[in-house]
N, C-alpha and C. Protein backbone atom coordinates (compact mmCIF):
# COMPACT_ATOMS: atom_id res chain seq x y z
N MET A 1 219.83 -73.79 60.95
CA MET A 1 218.45 -73.57 61.37
C MET A 1 217.71 -74.87 61.24
N THR A 2 217.02 -75.32 62.22
CA THR A 2 216.20 -76.56 62.18
C THR A 2 215.00 -76.37 61.34
N THR A 3 214.56 -77.43 60.70
CA THR A 3 213.28 -77.32 60.01
C THR A 3 212.17 -77.97 60.68
N ALA A 4 212.44 -78.63 61.95
CA ALA A 4 211.43 -79.25 62.64
C ALA A 4 210.37 -78.23 63.15
N LYS A 5 209.15 -78.60 63.08
CA LYS A 5 208.07 -77.71 63.54
C LYS A 5 208.29 -77.37 65.07
N LYS A 6 208.18 -76.07 65.33
CA LYS A 6 208.31 -75.68 66.70
C LYS A 6 207.05 -75.97 67.40
N LYS A 7 207.07 -76.38 68.64
CA LYS A 7 205.90 -76.77 69.36
C LYS A 7 205.40 -75.66 70.21
N TYR A 8 204.03 -75.53 70.28
CA TYR A 8 203.48 -74.58 71.18
C TYR A 8 202.72 -75.30 72.32
N SER A 9 202.41 -74.61 73.32
CA SER A 9 201.68 -75.12 74.43
C SER A 9 200.28 -74.57 74.46
N GLU A 10 199.24 -75.35 74.33
CA GLU A 10 197.89 -74.89 74.41
C GLU A 10 197.62 -74.20 75.75
N GLU A 11 198.15 -74.78 76.80
CA GLU A 11 197.99 -74.25 78.22
C GLU A 11 198.66 -72.89 78.26
N TYR A 12 199.90 -72.74 77.72
CA TYR A 12 200.63 -71.48 77.75
C TYR A 12 199.86 -70.34 77.05
N SER A 13 199.29 -70.81 75.83
CA SER A 13 198.47 -69.90 75.02
C SER A 13 197.23 -69.45 75.82
N GLN A 14 196.54 -70.34 76.42
CA GLN A 14 195.30 -70.01 77.21
C GLN A 14 195.63 -69.11 78.38
N LYS A 15 196.79 -69.33 79.04
CA LYS A 15 197.15 -68.54 80.17
C LYS A 15 197.49 -67.02 79.65
N THR A 16 198.22 -67.02 78.61
CA THR A 16 198.53 -65.68 78.04
C THR A 16 197.34 -64.88 77.64
N ILE A 17 196.36 -65.53 76.94
CA ILE A 17 195.21 -64.93 76.49
C ILE A 17 194.36 -64.52 77.68
N ALA A 18 194.22 -65.33 78.73
CA ALA A 18 193.51 -64.99 79.87
C ALA A 18 194.09 -63.78 80.58
N MET A 19 195.43 -63.67 80.70
CA MET A 19 196.02 -62.55 81.28
C MET A 19 195.75 -61.27 80.43
N MET A 20 195.80 -61.41 79.16
CA MET A 20 195.57 -60.23 78.27
C MET A 20 194.14 -59.83 78.42
N LYS A 21 193.18 -60.77 78.44
CA LYS A 21 191.75 -60.45 78.57
C LYS A 21 191.38 -59.70 79.84
N MET A 22 192.24 -59.78 80.79
CA MET A 22 192.03 -58.99 82.05
C MET A 22 192.14 -57.52 81.80
N PHE A 23 192.74 -57.17 80.63
CA PHE A 23 192.97 -55.73 80.28
C PHE A 23 191.90 -55.30 79.25
N ILE A 24 191.01 -56.09 78.87
CA ILE A 24 189.98 -55.56 77.85
C ILE A 24 189.25 -54.40 78.50
N GLY A 25 189.21 -53.29 77.64
CA GLY A 25 188.46 -52.09 78.11
C GLY A 25 189.35 -51.21 79.03
N LYS A 26 190.52 -51.70 79.32
CA LYS A 26 191.43 -50.87 80.28
C LYS A 26 192.65 -50.32 79.52
N SER A 27 193.21 -49.32 80.12
CA SER A 27 194.52 -48.80 79.60
C SER A 27 195.59 -49.82 79.76
N LEU A 28 196.33 -49.94 78.74
CA LEU A 28 197.53 -50.89 78.82
C LEU A 28 198.64 -50.22 79.51
N GLY A 29 198.55 -49.06 80.06
CA GLY A 29 199.58 -48.42 80.84
C GLY A 29 200.03 -49.22 82.05
N GLY A 30 199.12 -50.05 82.59
CA GLY A 30 199.40 -50.88 83.72
C GLY A 30 199.77 -52.38 83.32
N PHE A 31 199.89 -52.59 82.05
CA PHE A 31 200.26 -53.98 81.64
C PHE A 31 201.54 -54.39 82.14
N PRO A 32 201.64 -55.66 82.69
CA PRO A 32 202.84 -56.10 83.38
C PRO A 32 204.05 -56.40 82.51
N ILE A 33 203.86 -56.51 81.15
CA ILE A 33 204.93 -56.94 80.30
C ILE A 33 205.28 -55.69 79.45
N PRO A 34 206.56 -55.40 79.32
CA PRO A 34 206.99 -54.19 78.55
C PRO A 34 206.59 -54.37 77.11
N CYS A 35 206.03 -53.30 76.52
CA CYS A 35 205.70 -53.27 75.09
C CYS A 35 205.45 -51.83 74.72
N LEU A 36 205.49 -51.52 73.47
CA LEU A 36 205.31 -50.18 72.95
C LEU A 36 203.90 -49.68 73.35
N THR A 37 202.92 -50.52 73.23
CA THR A 37 201.49 -50.03 73.49
C THR A 37 201.32 -49.69 74.94
N LYS A 38 202.09 -50.30 75.85
CA LYS A 38 202.04 -49.94 77.23
C LYS A 38 202.53 -48.53 77.38
N TRP A 39 203.62 -48.14 76.72
CA TRP A 39 204.18 -46.82 76.79
C TRP A 39 203.17 -45.82 76.18
N ILE A 40 202.55 -46.17 75.10
CA ILE A 40 201.65 -45.27 74.43
C ILE A 40 200.29 -45.11 75.22
N GLY A 41 199.84 -46.16 75.91
CA GLY A 41 198.68 -46.20 76.67
C GLY A 41 197.45 -46.55 75.87
N GLY A 42 197.51 -47.52 75.02
CA GLY A 42 196.41 -47.97 74.23
C GLY A 42 195.45 -48.75 75.13
N THR A 43 194.28 -49.22 74.61
CA THR A 43 193.26 -49.95 75.28
C THR A 43 193.07 -51.27 74.54
N MET A 44 193.08 -52.33 75.28
CA MET A 44 192.85 -53.69 74.76
C MET A 44 191.32 -53.80 74.42
N ILE A 45 191.02 -54.11 73.19
CA ILE A 45 189.62 -54.34 72.76
C ILE A 45 189.25 -55.85 72.66
N GLU A 46 190.13 -56.60 72.02
CA GLU A 46 189.86 -58.05 71.80
C GLU A 46 191.13 -58.85 71.73
N VAL A 47 191.05 -60.03 72.20
CA VAL A 47 192.21 -60.90 72.15
C VAL A 47 191.80 -62.33 72.03
N GLU A 48 192.34 -63.07 71.14
CA GLU A 48 192.11 -64.56 70.92
C GLU A 48 193.34 -65.07 70.43
N ARG A 49 193.44 -66.39 70.33
CA ARG A 49 194.69 -67.01 69.79
C ARG A 49 194.85 -66.49 68.28
N GLY A 50 195.96 -65.80 68.11
CA GLY A 50 196.35 -65.26 66.84
C GLY A 50 195.61 -63.99 66.45
N LEU A 51 195.01 -63.33 67.36
CA LEU A 51 194.27 -62.06 67.09
C LEU A 51 194.39 -61.09 68.21
N ILE A 52 194.64 -59.89 67.85
CA ILE A 52 194.75 -58.80 68.81
C ILE A 52 194.13 -57.53 68.22
N ILE A 53 193.32 -56.83 69.05
CA ILE A 53 192.81 -55.51 68.68
C ILE A 53 192.97 -54.54 69.76
N ILE A 54 193.52 -53.41 69.44
CA ILE A 54 193.88 -52.38 70.44
C ILE A 54 193.46 -51.04 69.84
N GLU A 55 192.96 -50.23 70.70
CA GLU A 55 192.58 -48.79 70.33
C GLU A 55 193.60 -47.84 70.93
N VAL A 56 193.94 -46.84 70.21
CA VAL A 56 194.85 -45.79 70.65
C VAL A 56 194.37 -44.44 70.20
N THR A 57 194.42 -43.46 71.09
CA THR A 57 194.10 -42.10 70.76
C THR A 57 195.37 -41.36 70.32
N VAL A 58 195.23 -40.74 69.14
CA VAL A 58 196.46 -40.05 68.57
C VAL A 58 196.74 -38.75 69.48
N THR A 59 197.98 -38.64 69.88
CA THR A 59 198.35 -37.48 70.62
C THR A 59 199.36 -36.60 69.75
N THR A 60 199.60 -35.45 70.20
CA THR A 60 200.48 -34.54 69.48
C THR A 60 201.89 -35.19 69.22
N GLU A 61 202.36 -35.87 70.25
CA GLU A 61 203.66 -36.55 70.18
C GLU A 61 203.72 -37.65 69.05
N MET A 62 202.51 -38.13 68.57
CA MET A 62 202.44 -39.11 67.57
C MET A 62 202.28 -38.56 66.16
N THR A 63 202.43 -37.25 66.04
CA THR A 63 202.16 -36.67 64.72
C THR A 63 203.47 -36.02 64.10
N ASN A 64 203.38 -35.92 62.83
CA ASN A 64 204.52 -35.27 62.10
C ASN A 64 204.37 -33.70 62.18
N PRO A 65 205.23 -32.92 61.66
CA PRO A 65 205.18 -31.46 61.73
C PRO A 65 203.90 -31.00 61.09
N GLY A 66 203.35 -31.70 60.14
CA GLY A 66 202.10 -31.22 59.49
C GLY A 66 200.85 -31.67 60.27
N GLY A 67 201.02 -32.32 61.45
CA GLY A 67 199.83 -32.64 62.24
C GLY A 67 199.21 -33.94 61.93
N ALA A 68 199.75 -34.68 60.95
CA ALA A 68 199.18 -36.04 60.59
C ALA A 68 199.88 -37.11 61.43
N PHE A 69 199.11 -38.24 61.63
CA PHE A 69 199.66 -39.40 62.44
C PHE A 69 200.89 -39.83 61.70
N HIS A 70 202.03 -39.82 62.38
CA HIS A 70 203.37 -40.08 61.87
C HIS A 70 203.45 -41.53 61.34
N GLY A 71 203.95 -41.72 60.12
CA GLY A 71 204.08 -43.07 59.51
C GLY A 71 204.92 -43.98 60.42
N GLY A 72 205.99 -43.53 61.05
CA GLY A 72 206.88 -44.30 61.88
C GLY A 72 206.04 -44.74 63.07
N MET A 73 205.21 -43.96 63.60
CA MET A 73 204.43 -44.38 64.77
C MET A 73 203.36 -45.46 64.35
N GLN A 74 202.78 -45.30 63.16
CA GLN A 74 201.89 -46.32 62.66
C GLN A 74 202.60 -47.65 62.41
N CYS A 75 203.75 -47.63 61.88
CA CYS A 75 204.59 -48.84 61.74
C CYS A 75 204.92 -49.50 62.98
N ALA A 76 205.29 -48.68 64.00
CA ALA A 76 205.65 -49.23 65.35
C ALA A 76 204.40 -49.87 65.97
N LEU A 77 203.25 -49.20 65.82
CA LEU A 77 201.99 -49.84 66.44
C LEU A 77 201.69 -51.13 65.73
N LEU A 78 201.81 -51.21 64.42
CA LEU A 78 201.50 -52.42 63.70
C LEU A 78 202.44 -53.52 64.10
N ASP A 79 203.81 -53.23 64.23
CA ASP A 79 204.80 -54.13 64.65
C ASP A 79 204.46 -54.70 66.04
N ASP A 80 204.11 -53.79 66.88
CA ASP A 80 203.82 -54.21 68.33
C ASP A 80 202.60 -55.09 68.31
N ALA A 81 201.49 -54.69 67.59
CA ALA A 81 200.31 -55.57 67.57
C ALA A 81 200.58 -56.91 67.03
N MET A 82 201.50 -57.04 66.00
CA MET A 82 201.82 -58.28 65.48
C MET A 82 202.62 -59.15 66.54
N GLY A 83 203.39 -58.49 67.31
CA GLY A 83 204.07 -59.19 68.40
C GLY A 83 203.06 -59.70 69.44
N TRP A 84 202.05 -58.92 69.73
CA TRP A 84 201.07 -59.33 70.67
C TRP A 84 200.33 -60.54 70.14
N ALA A 85 199.99 -60.55 68.85
CA ALA A 85 199.26 -61.65 68.21
C ALA A 85 200.14 -62.95 68.26
N CYS A 86 201.43 -62.77 68.07
CA CYS A 86 202.36 -63.90 68.22
C CYS A 86 202.37 -64.45 69.60
N ALA A 87 202.29 -63.57 70.58
CA ALA A 87 202.37 -63.94 71.96
C ALA A 87 201.22 -64.85 72.39
N THR A 88 200.04 -64.67 71.70
CA THR A 88 198.89 -65.44 72.06
C THR A 88 198.95 -66.87 71.60
N LEU A 89 199.95 -67.20 70.75
CA LEU A 89 200.00 -68.52 70.18
C LEU A 89 200.46 -69.64 71.08
N GLY A 90 201.14 -69.37 72.09
CA GLY A 90 201.51 -70.36 73.06
C GLY A 90 202.98 -70.91 72.92
N TYR A 91 203.77 -70.29 72.08
CA TYR A 91 205.11 -70.68 71.96
C TYR A 91 205.87 -70.11 73.14
N GLU A 92 206.75 -70.91 73.69
CA GLU A 92 207.47 -70.41 74.91
C GLU A 92 208.90 -69.88 74.59
N THR A 93 208.99 -69.45 73.28
CA THR A 93 210.24 -68.92 72.77
C THR A 93 210.03 -67.54 72.23
N GLN A 94 211.11 -66.80 71.97
CA GLN A 94 211.00 -65.40 71.42
C GLN A 94 210.70 -65.47 70.02
N PHE A 95 210.32 -64.33 69.43
CA PHE A 95 210.01 -64.20 67.96
C PHE A 95 210.94 -63.13 67.44
N LEU A 96 211.24 -63.22 66.17
CA LEU A 96 212.12 -62.26 65.50
C LEU A 96 211.55 -61.93 64.12
N SER A 97 211.21 -60.62 63.95
CA SER A 97 210.66 -60.21 62.68
C SER A 97 211.80 -60.32 61.60
N THR A 98 211.47 -60.87 60.46
CA THR A 98 212.41 -60.97 59.39
C THR A 98 212.19 -59.91 58.33
N ASN A 99 211.04 -59.35 58.25
CA ASN A 99 210.69 -58.31 57.38
C ASN A 99 209.40 -57.62 57.92
N LEU A 100 209.14 -56.47 57.44
CA LEU A 100 207.90 -55.73 57.76
C LEU A 100 207.60 -54.75 56.55
N THR A 101 206.47 -54.91 56.05
CA THR A 101 206.08 -54.01 54.91
C THR A 101 204.78 -53.27 55.36
N VAL A 102 204.75 -51.94 55.20
CA VAL A 102 203.67 -51.13 55.59
C VAL A 102 203.20 -50.30 54.36
N ASP A 103 201.81 -50.32 54.12
CA ASP A 103 201.28 -49.40 53.13
C ASP A 103 200.44 -48.39 53.86
N TYR A 104 200.70 -47.12 53.56
CA TYR A 104 199.97 -46.00 54.16
C TYR A 104 198.87 -45.54 53.22
N LEU A 105 197.61 -45.61 53.67
CA LEU A 105 196.50 -45.42 52.80
C LEU A 105 195.62 -44.21 53.26
N GLY A 106 195.93 -43.65 54.33
CA GLY A 106 195.13 -42.52 54.87
C GLY A 106 195.84 -41.95 56.11
N THR A 107 195.26 -41.16 56.88
CA THR A 107 195.86 -40.60 58.07
C THR A 107 194.84 -40.33 59.18
N ALA A 108 195.42 -39.85 60.28
CA ALA A 108 194.59 -39.49 61.38
C ALA A 108 195.21 -38.20 61.99
N ARG A 109 194.43 -37.61 62.88
CA ARG A 109 194.92 -36.34 63.47
C ARG A 109 194.88 -36.43 65.06
N VAL A 110 195.41 -35.53 65.71
CA VAL A 110 195.41 -35.40 67.13
C VAL A 110 193.93 -35.59 67.64
N GLY A 111 193.72 -36.39 68.59
CA GLY A 111 192.38 -36.62 69.18
C GLY A 111 191.58 -37.78 68.48
N ASP A 112 191.99 -38.22 67.34
CA ASP A 112 191.33 -39.33 66.61
C ASP A 112 191.73 -40.61 67.41
N THR A 113 190.71 -41.51 67.47
CA THR A 113 190.91 -42.84 68.01
C THR A 113 191.06 -43.87 66.84
N VAL A 114 192.20 -44.58 66.82
CA VAL A 114 192.49 -45.51 65.74
C VAL A 114 192.41 -46.93 66.32
N ARG A 115 192.12 -47.90 65.54
CA ARG A 115 192.00 -49.26 65.96
C ARG A 115 193.10 -50.00 65.23
N VAL A 116 193.99 -50.67 66.01
CA VAL A 116 195.07 -51.48 65.48
C VAL A 116 194.71 -52.95 65.61
N LYS A 117 194.70 -53.66 64.51
CA LYS A 117 194.29 -55.10 64.61
C LYS A 117 195.41 -55.90 63.87
N SER A 118 195.73 -57.01 64.54
CA SER A 118 196.67 -57.93 63.89
C SER A 118 196.20 -59.39 64.06
N THR A 119 196.40 -60.14 63.00
CA THR A 119 196.11 -61.57 62.99
C THR A 119 197.30 -62.40 62.46
N ILE A 120 197.40 -63.59 62.88
CA ILE A 120 198.36 -64.47 62.32
C ILE A 120 197.66 -65.16 61.14
N TYR A 121 198.18 -64.85 59.97
CA TYR A 121 197.58 -65.30 58.72
C TYR A 121 198.04 -66.74 58.40
N ARG A 122 199.30 -67.11 58.74
CA ARG A 122 199.74 -68.42 58.50
C ARG A 122 200.79 -68.78 59.59
N GLU A 123 200.65 -69.99 60.13
CA GLU A 123 201.50 -70.47 61.11
C GLU A 123 202.26 -71.69 60.54
N GLY A 124 203.49 -71.44 60.12
CA GLY A 124 204.30 -72.45 59.49
C GLY A 124 205.13 -73.19 60.53
N SER A 125 206.14 -73.98 59.98
CA SER A 125 206.97 -74.81 60.81
C SER A 125 207.98 -73.99 61.65
N SER A 126 208.44 -72.92 61.00
CA SER A 126 209.38 -72.02 61.77
C SER A 126 209.16 -70.55 61.53
N LEU A 127 208.19 -70.24 60.63
CA LEU A 127 207.86 -68.82 60.33
C LEU A 127 206.33 -68.67 60.51
N LEU A 128 206.06 -67.44 61.05
CA LEU A 128 204.63 -67.00 61.08
C LEU A 128 204.45 -65.94 60.10
N HIS A 129 203.34 -65.72 59.51
CA HIS A 129 203.03 -64.60 58.66
C HIS A 129 201.92 -63.83 59.30
N ALA A 130 202.22 -62.61 59.81
CA ALA A 130 201.22 -61.79 60.40
C ALA A 130 200.80 -60.66 59.53
N VAL A 131 199.57 -60.28 59.64
CA VAL A 131 199.00 -59.20 58.96
C VAL A 131 198.39 -58.24 59.92
N GLY A 132 198.34 -56.90 59.62
CA GLY A 132 197.77 -55.97 60.52
C GLY A 132 197.18 -54.79 59.70
N GLU A 133 196.31 -54.06 60.38
CA GLU A 133 195.80 -52.80 59.82
C GLU A 133 195.49 -51.84 60.96
N ILE A 134 195.49 -50.58 60.55
CA ILE A 134 195.03 -49.44 61.43
C ILE A 134 193.80 -48.89 60.70
N THR A 135 192.70 -48.74 61.46
CA THR A 135 191.48 -48.09 60.90
C THR A 135 191.15 -46.90 61.74
N LYS A 136 190.55 -45.99 61.04
CA LYS A 136 189.89 -44.80 61.67
C LYS A 136 188.49 -44.67 61.07
N ASP A 137 187.53 -44.69 61.96
CA ASP A 137 186.15 -44.54 61.47
C ASP A 137 185.84 -45.68 60.50
N ASP A 138 186.40 -46.92 60.72
CA ASP A 138 186.14 -48.08 59.92
C ASP A 138 186.78 -48.01 58.51
N LYS A 139 187.70 -47.07 58.31
CA LYS A 139 188.42 -46.98 57.07
C LYS A 139 189.89 -47.31 57.29
N VAL A 140 190.49 -48.19 56.52
CA VAL A 140 191.84 -48.57 56.69
C VAL A 140 192.72 -47.43 56.32
N ILE A 141 193.63 -47.00 57.27
CA ILE A 141 194.56 -45.95 56.99
C ILE A 141 196.00 -46.46 56.83
N ALA A 142 196.22 -47.74 57.28
CA ALA A 142 197.55 -48.36 57.08
C ALA A 142 197.35 -49.88 57.18
N LYS A 143 198.07 -50.58 56.30
CA LYS A 143 198.05 -52.05 56.41
C LYS A 143 199.51 -52.60 56.37
N ALA A 144 199.77 -53.69 56.95
CA ALA A 144 201.05 -54.22 57.03
C ALA A 144 201.07 -55.74 57.03
N GLN A 145 202.26 -56.30 56.63
CA GLN A 145 202.49 -57.75 56.76
C GLN A 145 203.94 -57.99 57.18
N SER A 146 204.16 -59.12 57.87
CA SER A 146 205.44 -59.37 58.41
C SER A 146 205.65 -60.92 58.45
N ASN A 147 206.82 -61.35 58.14
CA ASN A 147 207.22 -62.71 58.43
C ASN A 147 208.03 -62.73 59.70
N ILE A 148 207.70 -63.68 60.58
CA ILE A 148 208.23 -63.65 61.99
C ILE A 148 208.80 -65.01 62.24
N TYR A 149 210.09 -65.07 62.59
CA TYR A 149 210.79 -66.36 62.84
C TYR A 149 210.51 -66.73 64.29
N ILE A 150 210.11 -68.04 64.44
CA ILE A 150 209.92 -68.62 65.78
C ILE A 150 211.29 -69.13 66.20
N THR A 151 211.98 -68.42 67.19
CA THR A 151 213.32 -68.78 67.60
C THR A 151 213.35 -69.97 68.59
N THR A 152 214.42 -70.34 68.99
CA THR A 152 214.56 -71.41 70.04
C THR A 152 214.93 -70.80 71.36
N ARG A 153 215.09 -69.46 71.36
CA ARG A 153 215.42 -68.77 72.70
C ARG A 153 214.18 -68.79 73.61
N PRO A 154 214.34 -69.15 74.90
CA PRO A 154 213.25 -69.03 75.77
C PRO A 154 212.89 -67.63 76.04
N ILE A 155 211.59 -67.35 76.37
CA ILE A 155 211.06 -66.08 76.72
C ILE A 155 211.67 -65.71 78.09
N LYS A 156 212.23 -64.48 78.18
CA LYS A 156 212.80 -64.05 79.51
C LYS A 156 212.23 -62.65 79.73
N LEU A 157 211.07 -62.63 80.41
CA LEU A 157 210.35 -61.42 80.68
C LEU A 157 211.07 -60.52 81.75
N ASN A 158 211.09 -59.23 81.49
CA ASN A 158 211.67 -58.29 82.40
C ASN A 158 213.12 -58.48 82.79
N GLU A 159 213.79 -59.08 81.79
CA GLU A 159 215.27 -59.22 81.93
C GLU A 159 215.91 -58.43 80.82
N PRO A 160 217.11 -57.83 81.04
CA PRO A 160 217.75 -57.05 79.96
C PRO A 160 218.03 -57.93 78.77
N ALA A 161 217.93 -57.39 77.56
CA ALA A 161 218.21 -58.09 76.41
C ALA A 161 219.70 -58.50 76.38
N GLU A 162 219.95 -59.69 75.76
CA GLU A 162 221.34 -60.15 75.61
C GLU A 162 222.07 -59.27 74.63
N GLN A 163 223.31 -59.04 74.91
CA GLN A 163 224.19 -58.21 74.06
C GLN A 163 224.73 -59.06 72.83
């Protein structure tokens, strides 16, 4: 593993952010890049370099048998939002989560709208530290943190993953 600082492109960052901003206030179901939030149908609220905010309405499919917002779904949304925040940075390489920790502090129910926010807390030479939270009615119901490796593999959109 190299310790040299990975380089990012300000131009690539700005283009990525501009593309994402076209979806502010719109359903991400039509987003051109595959992601979990596209499948779930969230709405882009805000995007800047190192920041993403998405809103999602909890559906029956997102709940556990007791009717609460499933922890696995919350974790997946936080992980996805952290990936979106990484994408805004302008690196032209893929990212790889090295860990992910989630604390569950509350819940939501079917029909509730939750806000998923992620920021890049620290941008190191080869690792990013991302943090995220899910809020309902301005109260944190889950928070997470992850260390994310900046790989040397180029981004290959809409191509099958390598085996």
